[in-house]
């Protein structure tokens, strides 16, 4: 984050001490201090004074800070995260078992497992969140000879997963 950046001073701008105090708190939150909700930054208002910080420069910096605060926020407070309990979803996904395709064609085991690992990483916050739309639009290679999952079982599971992510 660029909280240490020197902001331009203009004739009429934001109160410099108020801005500096907020940036200090944001910096501490991002460095592992007590968490700061992004909404608190959004709702902050500064006094307009003579010889204050340029409003556009501060607003742009605060938008960047909000994005960074959202990244380090607890999973339930992050935008685009499912409202279903992430721990429950992760456990459900990890315990999912699919039948082998046998002599029929089936979805490539590696593709399905990699996709589900990506969903779990998103729920943990270690990767971008996977949306219900991503789940519905997922596609896997079909294998005829080799390890493959039953396509209908996987499709039913993904339909349920998409529904859980929407809630």
N, C-alpha and C. Protein backbone atom coordinates (compact mmCIF):
# COMPACT_ATOMS: atom_id res chain seq x y z
N UNK A 1 0.84 -1.18 0.00
CA UNK A 1 0.00 0.00 0.00
C UNK A 1 0.88 1.23 0.00
N UNK A 2 0.38 2.30 -0.54
CA UNK A 2 1.16 3.52 -0.67
C UNK A 2 0.75 4.56 0.37
N UNK A 3 0.54 4.17 1.63
CA UNK A 3 0.13 5.15 2.63
C UNK A 3 1.24 6.12 2.95
N UNK A 4 2.47 5.76 2.66
CA UNK A 4 3.60 6.65 2.92
C UNK A 4 3.81 7.66 1.81
N UNK A 5 2.95 7.65 0.80
CA UNK A 5 3.10 8.55 -0.34
C UNK A 5 2.88 9.99 0.10
N UNK A 6 3.56 10.89 -0.55
CA UNK A 6 3.37 12.32 -0.25
C UNK A 6 2.22 12.83 -1.10
N UNK A 7 1.19 13.27 -0.42
CA UNK A 7 0.01 13.76 -1.10
C UNK A 7 0.18 15.25 -1.42
N UNK A 8 -0.30 15.69 -2.58
CA UNK A 8 -0.18 17.10 -2.93
C UNK A 8 -1.08 17.99 -2.05
N UNK A 9 -0.55 19.14 -1.69
CA UNK A 9 -1.30 20.12 -0.89
C UNK A 9 -1.85 21.16 -1.86
N UNK A 10 -3.14 21.50 -1.66
CA UNK A 10 -3.81 22.47 -2.53
C UNK A 10 -4.43 23.58 -1.68
N UNK A 11 -4.94 24.59 -2.35
CA UNK A 11 -5.52 25.73 -1.65
C UNK A 11 -6.65 25.29 -0.71
N UNK A 12 -7.61 24.50 -1.23
CA UNK A 12 -8.70 23.98 -0.41
C UNK A 12 -8.72 22.47 -0.57
N UNK A 13 -8.48 21.76 0.53
CA UNK A 13 -8.44 20.30 0.45
C UNK A 13 -8.80 19.68 1.79
N UNK A 14 -8.58 18.37 1.88
CA UNK A 14 -8.89 17.64 3.10
C UNK A 14 -7.91 17.99 4.21
N UNK A 15 -8.43 18.03 5.43
CA UNK A 15 -7.63 18.30 6.63
C UNK A 15 -6.49 17.29 6.69
N UNK A 16 -5.25 17.79 6.67
CA UNK A 16 -4.10 16.90 6.54
C UNK A 16 -3.94 15.96 7.73
N UNK A 17 -4.15 16.44 8.95
CA UNK A 17 -3.98 15.57 10.12
C UNK A 17 -5.03 14.46 10.15
N UNK A 18 -6.26 14.79 9.76
CA UNK A 18 -7.31 13.78 9.72
C UNK A 18 -6.96 12.66 8.72
N UNK A 19 -6.49 13.07 7.55
CA UNK A 19 -6.10 12.09 6.53
C UNK A 19 -4.92 11.26 7.02
N UNK A 20 -3.91 11.92 7.58
CA UNK A 20 -2.72 11.21 8.07
C UNK A 20 -3.09 10.19 9.16
N UNK A 21 -3.99 10.58 10.05
CA UNK A 21 -4.42 9.67 11.12
C UNK A 21 -5.11 8.43 10.54
N UNK A 22 -5.99 8.63 9.57
CA UNK A 22 -6.69 7.50 8.95
C UNK A 22 -5.69 6.60 8.22
N UNK A 23 -4.77 7.19 7.48
CA UNK A 23 -3.78 6.39 6.75
C UNK A 23 -2.90 5.59 7.70
N UNK A 24 -2.60 6.16 8.86
CA UNK A 24 -1.79 5.44 9.85
C UNK A 24 -2.56 4.22 10.36
N UNK A 25 -3.84 4.39 10.65
CA UNK A 25 -4.67 3.27 11.13
C UNK A 25 -4.80 2.19 10.06
N UNK A 26 -4.96 2.59 8.80
CA UNK A 26 -5.05 1.63 7.70
C UNK A 26 -3.75 0.84 7.59
N UNK A 27 -2.64 1.55 7.64
CA UNK A 27 -1.34 0.91 7.55
C UNK A 27 -1.13 -0.11 8.66
N UNK A 28 -1.54 0.24 9.87
CA UNK A 28 -1.41 -0.69 11.00
C UNK A 28 -2.29 -1.92 10.79
N UNK A 29 -3.51 -1.72 10.27
CA UNK A 29 -4.41 -2.85 10.02
C UNK A 29 -3.82 -3.79 8.96
N UNK A 30 -3.21 -3.22 7.94
CA UNK A 30 -2.63 -4.04 6.88
C UNK A 30 -1.34 -4.72 7.32
N UNK A 31 -0.70 -4.19 8.35
CA UNK A 31 0.54 -4.79 8.87
C UNK A 31 0.28 -5.77 10.00
N UNK A 32 -0.96 -6.23 10.13
CA UNK A 32 -1.28 -7.25 11.11
C UNK A 32 -1.84 -6.71 12.41
N UNK A 33 -2.07 -5.42 12.51
CA UNK A 33 -2.67 -4.84 13.71
C UNK A 33 -4.16 -5.16 13.77
N UNK A 34 -4.87 -4.44 14.62
CA UNK A 34 -6.30 -4.71 14.74
C UNK A 34 -6.98 -4.43 13.41
N UNK A 35 -7.91 -5.32 13.01
CA UNK A 35 -8.55 -5.19 11.70
C UNK A 35 -9.37 -3.91 11.59
N UNK A 36 -9.47 -3.43 10.37
CA UNK A 36 -10.24 -2.22 10.09
C UNK A 36 -11.19 -2.53 8.95
N UNK A 37 -12.49 -2.42 9.18
CA UNK A 37 -13.45 -2.70 8.10
C UNK A 37 -13.33 -1.68 6.97
N UNK A 38 -13.42 -2.16 5.75
CA UNK A 38 -13.36 -1.27 4.58
C UNK A 38 -14.49 -0.25 4.63
N UNK A 39 -15.64 -0.63 5.18
CA UNK A 39 -16.78 0.30 5.28
C UNK A 39 -16.44 1.51 6.14
N UNK A 40 -15.61 1.31 7.15
CA UNK A 40 -15.21 2.43 8.00
C UNK A 40 -14.44 3.48 7.19
N UNK A 41 -13.61 3.02 6.27
CA UNK A 41 -12.86 3.95 5.41
C UNK A 41 -13.83 4.65 4.47
N UNK A 42 -14.76 3.87 3.89
CA UNK A 42 -15.74 4.46 2.98
C UNK A 42 -16.58 5.55 3.64
N UNK A 43 -16.91 5.36 4.91
CA UNK A 43 -17.79 6.30 5.60
C UNK A 43 -17.07 7.49 6.20
N UNK A 44 -15.75 7.48 6.18
CA UNK A 44 -14.99 8.57 6.77
C UNK A 44 -15.15 9.84 5.94
N UNK A 45 -15.36 10.93 6.63
CA UNK A 45 -15.47 12.25 5.98
C UNK A 45 -14.42 13.16 6.60
N UNK A 46 -13.82 13.98 5.76
CA UNK A 46 -12.78 14.90 6.22
C UNK A 46 -13.27 16.34 6.13
N UNK A 47 -12.75 17.16 7.01
CA UNK A 47 -13.05 18.58 6.99
C UNK A 47 -12.28 19.21 5.83
N UNK A 48 -12.92 20.14 5.12
CA UNK A 48 -12.26 20.87 4.03
C UNK A 48 -11.63 22.12 4.66
N UNK A 49 -10.33 22.29 4.42
CA UNK A 49 -9.58 23.41 5.02
C UNK A 49 -8.70 24.07 3.97
N UNK A 50 -8.19 25.22 4.32
CA UNK A 50 -7.21 25.90 3.48
C UNK A 50 -5.90 25.12 3.60
N UNK A 51 -5.19 24.96 2.50
CA UNK A 51 -3.92 24.24 2.45
C UNK A 51 -4.05 22.81 2.98
N UNK A 52 -5.00 22.09 2.39
CA UNK A 52 -5.21 20.67 2.74
C UNK A 52 -4.75 19.77 1.60
N UNK A 53 -4.89 18.49 1.83
CA UNK A 53 -4.50 17.53 0.79
C UNK A 53 -5.50 17.56 -0.36
N UNK A 54 -4.98 17.37 -1.57
CA UNK A 54 -5.80 17.32 -2.77
C UNK A 54 -6.85 16.21 -2.63
N UNK A 55 -8.12 16.58 -2.79
CA UNK A 55 -9.21 15.64 -2.55
C UNK A 55 -9.18 14.45 -3.51
N UNK A 56 -8.90 14.71 -4.78
CA UNK A 56 -8.86 13.60 -5.74
C UNK A 56 -7.74 12.62 -5.42
N UNK A 57 -6.58 13.13 -5.07
CA UNK A 57 -5.44 12.25 -4.74
C UNK A 57 -5.75 11.40 -3.51
N UNK A 58 -6.38 12.00 -2.50
CA UNK A 58 -6.73 11.25 -1.29
C UNK A 58 -7.80 10.21 -1.61
N UNK A 59 -8.83 10.61 -2.36
CA UNK A 59 -9.90 9.67 -2.70
C UNK A 59 -9.35 8.48 -3.48
N UNK A 60 -8.44 8.72 -4.41
CA UNK A 60 -7.84 7.63 -5.19
C UNK A 60 -7.02 6.70 -4.29
N UNK A 61 -6.25 7.28 -3.39
CA UNK A 61 -5.45 6.48 -2.47
C UNK A 61 -6.35 5.65 -1.55
N UNK A 62 -7.44 6.24 -1.08
CA UNK A 62 -8.34 5.52 -0.19
C UNK A 62 -9.07 4.39 -0.92
N UNK A 63 -9.37 4.56 -2.20
CA UNK A 63 -9.97 3.46 -2.97
C UNK A 63 -9.01 2.28 -3.03
N UNK A 64 -7.73 2.56 -3.23
CA UNK A 64 -6.72 1.50 -3.24
C UNK A 64 -6.62 0.84 -1.86
N UNK A 65 -6.68 1.63 -0.81
CA UNK A 65 -6.62 1.10 0.55
C UNK A 65 -7.82 0.20 0.84
N UNK A 66 -9.00 0.60 0.38
CA UNK A 66 -10.21 -0.19 0.58
C UNK A 66 -10.05 -1.55 -0.08
N UNK A 67 -9.52 -1.58 -1.30
CA UNK A 67 -9.31 -2.86 -1.98
C UNK A 67 -8.37 -3.75 -1.17
N UNK A 68 -7.31 -3.17 -0.63
CA UNK A 68 -6.35 -3.97 0.15
C UNK A 68 -6.96 -4.43 1.47
N UNK A 69 -7.78 -3.60 2.10
CA UNK A 69 -8.44 -4.01 3.34
C UNK A 69 -9.41 -5.15 3.08
N UNK A 70 -10.07 -5.14 1.94
CA UNK A 70 -11.00 -6.21 1.60
C UNK A 70 -10.27 -7.53 1.39
N UNK A 71 -9.06 -7.46 0.88
CA UNK A 71 -8.28 -8.68 0.66
C UNK A 71 -7.90 -9.34 1.97
N UNK A 72 -7.57 -8.54 3.00
CA UNK A 72 -7.14 -9.12 4.28
C UNK A 72 -8.29 -9.28 5.26
N UNK A 73 -9.50 -8.90 4.86
CA UNK A 73 -10.67 -9.00 5.75
C UNK A 73 -11.02 -10.46 5.99
N UNK A 74 -11.72 -10.75 7.11
CA UNK A 74 -12.19 -12.12 7.33
C UNK A 74 -13.06 -12.56 6.16
N UNK A 75 -13.07 -13.85 5.86
CA UNK A 75 -13.75 -14.39 4.67
C UNK A 75 -15.18 -13.90 4.54
N UNK A 76 -15.94 -13.90 5.61
CA UNK A 76 -17.35 -13.52 5.53
C UNK A 76 -17.59 -12.07 5.17
N UNK A 77 -16.57 -11.22 5.34
CA UNK A 77 -16.73 -9.80 5.05
C UNK A 77 -16.21 -9.43 3.68
N UNK A 78 -15.63 -10.36 2.95
CA UNK A 78 -15.06 -10.06 1.65
C UNK A 78 -16.15 -10.01 0.60
N UNK A 79 -16.02 -9.07 -0.34
CA UNK A 79 -17.02 -9.03 -1.41
C UNK A 79 -16.91 -10.26 -2.29
N UNK A 80 -18.04 -10.73 -2.77
CA UNK A 80 -18.05 -11.88 -3.65
C UNK A 80 -17.93 -13.21 -2.93
N UNK A 81 -17.88 -13.18 -1.63
CA UNK A 81 -17.78 -14.43 -0.87
C UNK A 81 -19.17 -14.96 -0.59
N UNK A 82 -19.32 -16.26 -0.53
CA UNK A 82 -20.64 -16.83 -0.26
C UNK A 82 -21.07 -16.58 1.17
N UNK A 83 -22.39 -16.49 1.37
CA UNK A 83 -22.92 -16.29 2.72
C UNK A 83 -23.01 -17.62 3.48
N UNK A 84 -22.98 -18.73 2.74
CA UNK A 84 -22.96 -20.03 3.41
C UNK A 84 -21.67 -20.11 4.22
N UNK A 85 -21.68 -20.87 5.28
CA UNK A 85 -20.51 -20.98 6.14
C UNK A 85 -19.35 -21.57 5.35
N UNK A 86 -18.26 -20.82 5.16
CA UNK A 86 -17.13 -21.33 4.37
C UNK A 86 -16.55 -22.62 4.93
N UNK A 87 -16.47 -22.76 6.25
CA UNK A 87 -15.91 -23.99 6.84
C UNK A 87 -16.78 -25.19 6.47
N UNK A 88 -18.09 -25.02 6.52
CA UNK A 88 -19.00 -26.10 6.17
C UNK A 88 -18.84 -26.46 4.69
N UNK A 89 -18.79 -25.45 3.83
CA UNK A 89 -18.64 -25.70 2.39
C UNK A 89 -17.33 -26.42 2.09
N UNK A 90 -16.25 -25.97 2.71
CA UNK A 90 -14.96 -26.60 2.46
C UNK A 90 -14.99 -28.07 2.88
N UNK A 91 -15.56 -28.34 4.03
CA UNK A 91 -15.66 -29.71 4.51
C UNK A 91 -16.52 -30.55 3.56
N UNK A 92 -17.62 -30.00 3.12
CA UNK A 92 -18.53 -30.70 2.20
C UNK A 92 -17.81 -31.03 0.89
N UNK A 93 -17.07 -30.06 0.36
CA UNK A 93 -16.36 -30.27 -0.90
C UNK A 93 -15.25 -31.32 -0.72
N UNK A 94 -14.50 -31.21 0.36
CA UNK A 94 -13.40 -32.14 0.59
C UNK A 94 -13.88 -33.58 0.80
N UNK A 95 -15.08 -33.73 1.32
CA UNK A 95 -15.61 -35.07 1.57
C UNK A 95 -16.42 -35.63 0.41
N UNK A 96 -16.54 -34.88 -0.67
CA UNK A 96 -17.30 -35.36 -1.82
C UNK A 96 -16.56 -36.53 -2.47
N UNK A 97 -17.29 -37.55 -2.81
CA UNK A 97 -16.74 -38.73 -3.46
C UNK A 97 -17.59 -39.03 -4.69
N UNK A 98 -16.92 -39.34 -5.80
CA UNK A 98 -17.62 -39.64 -7.04
C UNK A 98 -17.26 -41.06 -7.48
N UNK A 99 -18.22 -41.72 -8.07
CA UNK A 99 -17.97 -43.06 -8.61
C UNK A 99 -17.08 -42.96 -9.84
N UNK A 100 -16.34 -44.02 -10.08
CA UNK A 100 -15.54 -44.08 -11.29
C UNK A 100 -16.44 -44.30 -12.50
N UNK A 101 -15.99 -43.89 -13.63
CA UNK A 101 -16.78 -44.02 -14.85
C UNK A 101 -16.79 -45.45 -15.37
N UNK A 102 -15.84 -46.25 -14.94
CA UNK A 102 -15.78 -47.64 -15.41
C UNK A 102 -15.46 -47.70 -16.89
N UNK A 103 -16.23 -48.46 -17.64
CA UNK A 103 -15.98 -48.62 -19.08
C UNK A 103 -16.53 -47.43 -19.87
N UNK A 104 -17.35 -46.61 -19.25
CA UNK A 104 -17.91 -45.43 -19.94
C UNK A 104 -16.90 -44.28 -19.90
N UNK A 105 -17.17 -43.27 -20.69
CA UNK A 105 -16.34 -42.07 -20.63
C UNK A 105 -16.71 -41.30 -19.36
N UNK A 106 -15.76 -40.53 -18.85
CA UNK A 106 -16.01 -39.77 -17.63
C UNK A 106 -15.14 -38.52 -17.59
N UNK A 107 -15.40 -37.66 -16.62
CA UNK A 107 -14.61 -36.44 -16.46
C UNK A 107 -13.23 -36.79 -15.92
N UNK A 108 -12.23 -36.15 -16.47
CA UNK A 108 -10.85 -36.37 -16.03
C UNK A 108 -10.74 -36.07 -14.53
N UNK A 109 -10.24 -37.04 -13.78
CA UNK A 109 -10.13 -36.93 -12.33
C UNK A 109 -9.29 -35.71 -11.94
N UNK A 110 -8.18 -35.51 -12.64
CA UNK A 110 -7.28 -34.38 -12.30
C UNK A 110 -7.96 -33.04 -12.50
N UNK A 111 -8.73 -32.90 -13.59
CA UNK A 111 -9.43 -31.64 -13.85
C UNK A 111 -10.45 -31.32 -12.76
N UNK A 112 -11.26 -32.33 -12.40
CA UNK A 112 -12.30 -32.12 -11.39
C UNK A 112 -11.67 -31.81 -10.04
N UNK A 113 -10.66 -32.59 -9.66
CA UNK A 113 -10.00 -32.36 -8.37
C UNK A 113 -9.32 -30.98 -8.32
N UNK A 114 -8.69 -30.58 -9.43
CA UNK A 114 -8.03 -29.27 -9.47
C UNK A 114 -9.06 -28.14 -9.33
N UNK A 115 -10.21 -28.29 -9.99
CA UNK A 115 -11.25 -27.27 -9.89
C UNK A 115 -11.77 -27.16 -8.46
N UNK A 116 -12.04 -28.30 -7.83
CA UNK A 116 -12.55 -28.28 -6.46
C UNK A 116 -11.49 -27.71 -5.49
N UNK A 117 -10.22 -27.99 -5.74
CA UNK A 117 -9.15 -27.39 -4.94
C UNK A 117 -9.15 -25.88 -5.10
N UNK A 118 -9.43 -25.40 -6.31
CA UNK A 118 -9.49 -23.95 -6.56
C UNK A 118 -10.67 -23.32 -5.81
N UNK A 119 -11.80 -24.02 -5.77
CA UNK A 119 -12.96 -23.52 -5.02
C UNK A 119 -12.60 -23.40 -3.54
N UNK A 120 -11.95 -24.42 -3.00
CA UNK A 120 -11.56 -24.40 -1.58
C UNK A 120 -10.57 -23.28 -1.31
N UNK A 121 -9.60 -23.09 -2.21
CA UNK A 121 -8.62 -22.01 -2.03
C UNK A 121 -9.33 -20.65 -2.02
N UNK A 122 -10.36 -20.50 -2.85
CA UNK A 122 -11.13 -19.26 -2.86
C UNK A 122 -11.88 -19.05 -1.57
N UNK A 123 -12.43 -20.12 -1.02
CA UNK A 123 -13.15 -20.00 0.26
C UNK A 123 -12.21 -19.68 1.40
N UNK A 124 -10.99 -20.17 1.31
CA UNK A 124 -9.99 -19.88 2.36
C UNK A 124 -9.42 -18.48 2.23
N UNK A 125 -9.60 -17.87 1.04
CA UNK A 125 -9.03 -16.55 0.81
C UNK A 125 -7.63 -16.61 0.24
N UNK A 126 -7.16 -17.79 -0.14
CA UNK A 126 -5.82 -17.96 -0.69
C UNK A 126 -5.82 -17.73 -2.20
N UNK A 127 -6.97 -17.58 -2.80
CA UNK A 127 -7.11 -17.35 -4.24
C UNK A 127 -8.40 -16.55 -4.45
N UNK A 128 -8.58 -16.01 -5.65
CA UNK A 128 -9.83 -15.29 -5.91
C UNK A 128 -11.03 -16.21 -5.71
N UNK A 129 -12.13 -15.66 -5.21
CA UNK A 129 -13.30 -16.51 -4.97
C UNK A 129 -13.88 -17.06 -6.26
N UNK A 130 -14.39 -18.28 -6.19
CA UNK A 130 -15.07 -18.91 -7.31
C UNK A 130 -16.55 -18.65 -7.12
N UNK A 131 -17.19 -18.11 -8.14
CA UNK A 131 -18.61 -17.77 -8.05
C UNK A 131 -19.48 -18.93 -8.53
N UNK A 132 -20.76 -18.80 -8.26
CA UNK A 132 -21.71 -19.81 -8.73
C UNK A 132 -21.68 -19.89 -10.26
N UNK A 133 -21.50 -18.76 -10.88
CA UNK A 133 -21.42 -18.75 -12.35
C UNK A 133 -20.19 -19.52 -12.83
N UNK A 134 -19.05 -19.34 -12.14
CA UNK A 134 -17.84 -20.09 -12.50
C UNK A 134 -18.10 -21.59 -12.40
N UNK A 135 -18.83 -22.00 -11.37
CA UNK A 135 -19.12 -23.42 -11.18
C UNK A 135 -20.00 -23.93 -12.33
N UNK A 136 -21.02 -23.15 -12.67
CA UNK A 136 -21.93 -23.58 -13.74
C UNK A 136 -21.23 -23.65 -15.09
N UNK A 137 -20.26 -22.78 -15.30
CA UNK A 137 -19.57 -22.73 -16.59
C UNK A 137 -18.31 -23.60 -16.64
N UNK A 138 -18.03 -24.31 -15.57
CA UNK A 138 -16.84 -25.17 -15.56
C UNK A 138 -16.99 -26.29 -16.57
N UNK A 139 -15.88 -26.64 -17.17
CA UNK A 139 -15.85 -27.73 -18.15
C UNK A 139 -14.62 -28.58 -17.88
N UNK A 140 -14.76 -29.87 -18.09
CA UNK A 140 -13.67 -30.80 -17.82
C UNK A 140 -13.42 -31.66 -19.05
N UNK A 141 -12.20 -32.09 -19.18
CA UNK A 141 -11.87 -33.02 -20.27
C UNK A 141 -12.57 -34.35 -20.01
N UNK A 142 -12.98 -34.99 -21.08
CA UNK A 142 -13.62 -36.30 -20.98
C UNK A 142 -12.58 -37.34 -21.37
N UNK A 143 -12.45 -38.37 -20.53
CA UNK A 143 -11.50 -39.45 -20.81
C UNK A 143 -12.28 -40.74 -21.07
N UNK A 144 -11.76 -41.53 -21.98
CA UNK A 144 -12.40 -42.81 -22.30
C UNK A 144 -11.66 -43.96 -21.61
N UNK A 145 -10.37 -43.90 -21.62
CA UNK A 145 -9.54 -44.93 -20.99
C UNK A 145 -8.66 -44.24 -19.98
N UNK A 146 -8.89 -44.49 -18.74
CA UNK A 146 -8.10 -43.85 -17.70
C UNK A 146 -9.02 -43.43 -16.57
N UNK A 147 -8.43 -42.81 -15.56
CA UNK A 147 -9.23 -42.44 -14.39
C UNK A 147 -10.23 -41.33 -14.73
N UNK A 148 -11.51 -41.64 -14.57
CA UNK A 148 -12.55 -40.66 -14.83
C UNK A 148 -13.68 -40.79 -13.83
N UNK A 149 -14.31 -39.64 -13.51
CA UNK A 149 -15.45 -39.63 -12.60
C UNK A 149 -16.74 -39.72 -13.40
N UNK A 150 -17.76 -40.31 -12.80
CA UNK A 150 -19.09 -40.39 -13.40
C UNK A 150 -19.59 -38.96 -13.67
N UNK A 151 -19.88 -38.66 -14.91
CA UNK A 151 -20.25 -37.30 -15.31
C UNK A 151 -21.52 -36.81 -14.63
N UNK A 152 -22.53 -37.67 -14.53
CA UNK A 152 -23.80 -37.25 -13.93
C UNK A 152 -23.64 -36.92 -12.45
N UNK A 153 -22.84 -37.70 -11.73
CA UNK A 153 -22.61 -37.42 -10.32
C UNK A 153 -21.91 -36.08 -10.13
N UNK A 154 -20.90 -35.85 -10.95
CA UNK A 154 -20.15 -34.58 -10.85
C UNK A 154 -21.08 -33.42 -11.19
N UNK A 155 -21.87 -33.56 -12.25
CA UNK A 155 -22.78 -32.48 -12.65
C UNK A 155 -23.79 -32.17 -11.54
N UNK A 156 -24.35 -33.20 -10.90
CA UNK A 156 -25.30 -32.97 -9.80
C UNK A 156 -24.62 -32.26 -8.63
N UNK A 157 -23.41 -32.68 -8.31
CA UNK A 157 -22.67 -32.05 -7.21
C UNK A 157 -22.40 -30.58 -7.52
N UNK A 158 -21.98 -30.30 -8.74
CA UNK A 158 -21.67 -28.92 -9.12
C UNK A 158 -22.93 -28.04 -9.10
N UNK A 159 -24.04 -28.60 -9.46
CA UNK A 159 -25.31 -27.86 -9.41
C UNK A 159 -25.62 -27.49 -7.95
N UNK A 160 -25.44 -28.43 -7.04
CA UNK A 160 -25.66 -28.16 -5.62
C UNK A 160 -24.65 -27.14 -5.09
N UNK A 161 -23.40 -27.25 -5.54
CA UNK A 161 -22.36 -26.31 -5.11
C UNK A 161 -22.68 -24.89 -5.56
N UNK A 162 -23.12 -24.76 -6.81
CA UNK A 162 -23.49 -23.44 -7.32
C UNK A 162 -24.62 -22.83 -6.49
N UNK A 163 -25.59 -23.65 -6.12
CA UNK A 163 -26.68 -23.17 -5.27
C UNK A 163 -26.19 -22.72 -3.90
N UNK A 164 -25.26 -23.48 -3.34
CA UNK A 164 -24.71 -23.10 -2.03
C UNK A 164 -23.92 -21.81 -2.12
N UNK A 165 -23.20 -21.61 -3.21
CA UNK A 165 -22.41 -20.39 -3.37
C UNK A 165 -23.30 -19.17 -3.58
N UNK A 166 -24.47 -19.37 -4.18
CA UNK A 166 -25.40 -18.25 -4.38
C UNK A 166 -25.99 -17.78 -3.06
N UNK A 167 -26.19 -18.69 -2.14
CA UNK A 167 -26.77 -18.31 -0.85
C UNK A 167 -25.72 -17.62 -0.04
